[in-house]
Amino acid sequence: MNKILKIKSLDTINDTAQKFIELMGNNCVFAFFGKMGAGKTTFIKAICEELGVLDEVNSPTFSIINEYKTINGETIYHFDCYRINNVQEAINLGFDDYFCSENLCFIEWAENISEILPENTIGVIFDVNEDETRILKLERL
């Protein structure tokens, strides 16, 4: 999968989230890469809104993992690996179990756990342009 999406502004982020959902296919694990402030959390929030998440979606910076339920009863896991210091810490938290659950997994700061990402993980790379638009590159890792 090599696809490119563009977020023109916050006003159109949900449109881009809908396009992202259409491209997800049967993939479950999505690793988000980008600098601090690139919009990873904001985009994941838009995706979750479009998927019908009932809970408030926010960054799991301190909890590391948030679990959300959709109106269809599906589960989505949202990870923030910024504070993960080593892969063993992620293993101890049971990340493998989440990744194998067949539930959607959205992982911010995935570079901190790249060694244990499943082989079918889709990378979502954020590039911020000078005009503040975002380019998202989707590719199989």
Protein backbone atom coordinates (compact mmCIF):
# COMPACT_ATOMS: atom_id res chain seq x y z
CA MET A 1 0.00 0.00 0.00
CA ASN A 2 1.52 3.29 -1.10
CA LYS A 3 -1.08 6.04 -0.85
CA ILE A 4 -0.92 9.76 -0.16
CA LEU A 5 -3.57 11.85 1.59
CA LYS A 6 -3.64 15.55 2.31
CA ILE A 7 -5.12 17.42 5.25
CA LYS A 8 -5.75 20.94 3.97
CA SER A 9 -7.05 22.32 7.28
CA LEU A 10 -8.84 21.36 10.47
CA ASP A 11 -12.08 22.12 8.62
CA THR A 12 -11.39 19.24 6.22
CA ILE A 13 -9.70 16.77 8.57
CA ASN A 14 -12.80 14.58 8.88
CA ASP A 15 -13.01 14.31 5.08
CA THR A 16 -9.41 13.08 5.03
CA ALA A 17 -10.18 10.72 7.92
CA GLN A 18 -13.04 9.24 5.88
CA LYS A 19 -10.69 8.70 2.92
CA PHE A 20 -8.21 7.05 5.28
CA ILE A 21 -10.93 4.68 6.54
CA GLU A 22 -11.78 3.74 2.95
CA LEU A 23 -8.12 2.81 2.40
CA MET A 24 -7.70 0.78 5.61
CA GLY A 25 -9.02 -2.45 4.12
CA ASN A 26 -8.51 -5.40 6.44
CA ASN A 27 -5.44 -3.86 8.05
CA CYS A 28 -5.61 -3.45 11.82
CA VAL A 29 -2.30 -1.98 13.00
CA PHE A 30 -1.38 1.57 11.99
CA ALA A 31 1.87 3.19 13.09
CA PHE A 32 1.87 7.00 13.04
CA PHE A 33 5.16 8.85 12.53
CA GLY A 34 5.76 12.58 12.63
CA LYS A 35 7.28 15.37 14.65
CA MET A 36 5.69 16.72 17.81
CA GLY A 37 2.72 18.85 16.77
CA ALA A 38 2.39 17.25 13.32
CA GLY A 39 -1.23 16.35 14.01
CA LYS A 40 -1.09 12.64 14.78
CA THR A 41 -3.46 12.77 17.77
CA THR A 42 -5.82 15.18 16.04
CA PHE A 43 -6.04 12.93 13.00
CA ILE A 44 -6.59 9.79 15.09
CA LYS A 45 -9.37 11.66 16.88
CA ALA A 46 -10.99 12.47 13.51
CA ILE A 47 -10.69 8.83 12.40
CA CYS A 48 -12.32 7.68 15.64
CA GLU A 49 -15.15 10.20 15.22
CA GLU A 50 -15.78 8.90 11.71
CA LEU A 51 -15.78 5.31 13.02
CA GLY A 52 -18.44 6.20 15.59
CA VAL A 53 -16.38 6.14 18.79
CA LEU A 54 -18.60 6.92 21.75
CA ASP A 55 -15.83 7.89 24.16
CA GLU A 56 -13.83 11.09 24.28
CA VAL A 57 -10.70 10.56 22.23
CA ASN A 58 -7.55 12.08 23.64
CA SER A 59 -3.86 11.37 23.75
CA PRO A 60 -2.90 8.43 25.97
CA THR A 61 0.38 10.15 26.84
CA PHE A 62 0.30 9.10 30.49
CA SER A 63 -1.88 6.00 30.32
CA ILE A 64 0.04 4.81 27.22
CA ILE A 65 -3.03 2.91 25.93
CA ASN A 66 -6.61 4.13 25.57
CA GLU A 67 -9.46 1.81 24.66
CA TYR A 68 -12.46 3.17 22.79
CA LYS A 69 -15.80 1.58 21.89
CA THR A 70 -17.72 2.40 18.73
CA ILE A 71 -21.48 2.56 18.25
CA ASN A 72 -21.16 -0.88 16.61
CA GLY A 73 -19.52 -2.36 19.72
CA GLU A 74 -16.09 -2.57 18.12
CA THR A 75 -12.94 -1.84 20.10
CA ILE A 76 -10.17 0.53 19.03
CA TYR A 77 -6.84 0.79 20.82
CA HIS A 78 -4.90 4.06 20.78
CA PHE A 79 -1.26 3.95 21.88
CA ASP A 80 1.14 6.76 22.68
CA CYS A 81 4.65 5.31 22.86
CA TYR A 82 6.42 8.61 23.48
CA ARG A 83 7.27 7.61 27.05
CA ILE A 84 8.22 4.01 26.22
CA ASN A 85 11.92 3.79 27.01
CA ASN A 86 12.62 0.35 25.58
CA VAL A 87 10.89 -2.46 23.73
CA GLN A 88 10.82 -4.69 26.80
CA GLU A 89 8.56 -2.14 28.50
CA ALA A 90 6.07 -2.46 25.62
CA ILE A 91 6.27 -6.24 25.77
CA ASN A 92 5.61 -6.15 29.51
CA LEU A 93 2.51 -4.02 28.85
CA GLY A 94 1.19 -6.75 26.53
CA PHE A 95 1.42 -4.85 23.26
CA ASP A 96 1.65 -8.11 21.31
CA ASP A 97 -1.76 -9.16 22.64
CA TYR A 98 -3.31 -5.90 21.43
CA PHE A 99 -1.66 -6.18 18.01
CA CYS A 100 -2.95 -9.74 17.56
CA SER A 101 -6.48 -8.92 18.75
CA GLU A 102 -7.72 -8.04 15.23
CA ASN A 103 -9.02 -4.77 16.68
CA LEU A 104 -7.86 -1.48 15.22
CA CYS A 105 -4.62 -0.26 16.78
CA PHE A 106 -3.45 3.31 16.22
CA ILE A 107 0.10 3.83 17.50
CA GLU A 108 1.71 7.24 17.97
CA TRP A 109 5.50 7.44 18.31
CA ALA A 110 5.70 3.96 16.83
CA GLU A 111 9.42 4.39 16.17
CA ASN A 112 9.95 3.65 19.88
CA ILE A 113 8.60 0.12 19.43
CA SER A 114 9.43 -0.55 15.78
CA GLU A 115 11.13 -3.84 16.65
CA ILE A 116 7.86 -5.44 17.77
CA LEU A 117 5.43 -4.03 15.21
CA PRO A 118 3.69 -6.82 13.27
CA GLU A 119 4.87 -7.34 9.71
CA ASN A 120 1.49 -6.23 8.31
CA THR A 121 1.66 -2.81 10.00
CA ILE A 122 0.75 0.20 7.88
CA GLY A 123 2.93 3.25 8.46
CA VAL A 124 1.31 6.69 8.36
CA ILE A 125 4.03 9.31 7.92
CA PHE A 126 3.11 12.96 8.57
CA ASP A 127 4.89 15.76 6.76
CA VAL A 128 3.97 19.35 7.63
CA ASN A 129 4.22 21.87 4.80
CA GLU A 130 5.10 25.55 5.21
CA ASP A 131 1.43 26.43 4.65
CA GLU A 132 0.48 24.13 7.59
CA THR A 133 -1.16 21.53 5.35
CA ARG A 134 -0.25 17.94 6.14
CA ILE A 135 0.75 15.22 3.71
CA LEU A 136 0.17 11.68 4.93
CA LYS A 137 2.04 8.84 3.29
CA LEU A 138 0.59 5.40 3.89
CA GLU A 139 2.94 2.50 3.32
CA ARG A 140 3.39 -1.05 4.49
CA LEU A 141 6.32 -1.25 6.90
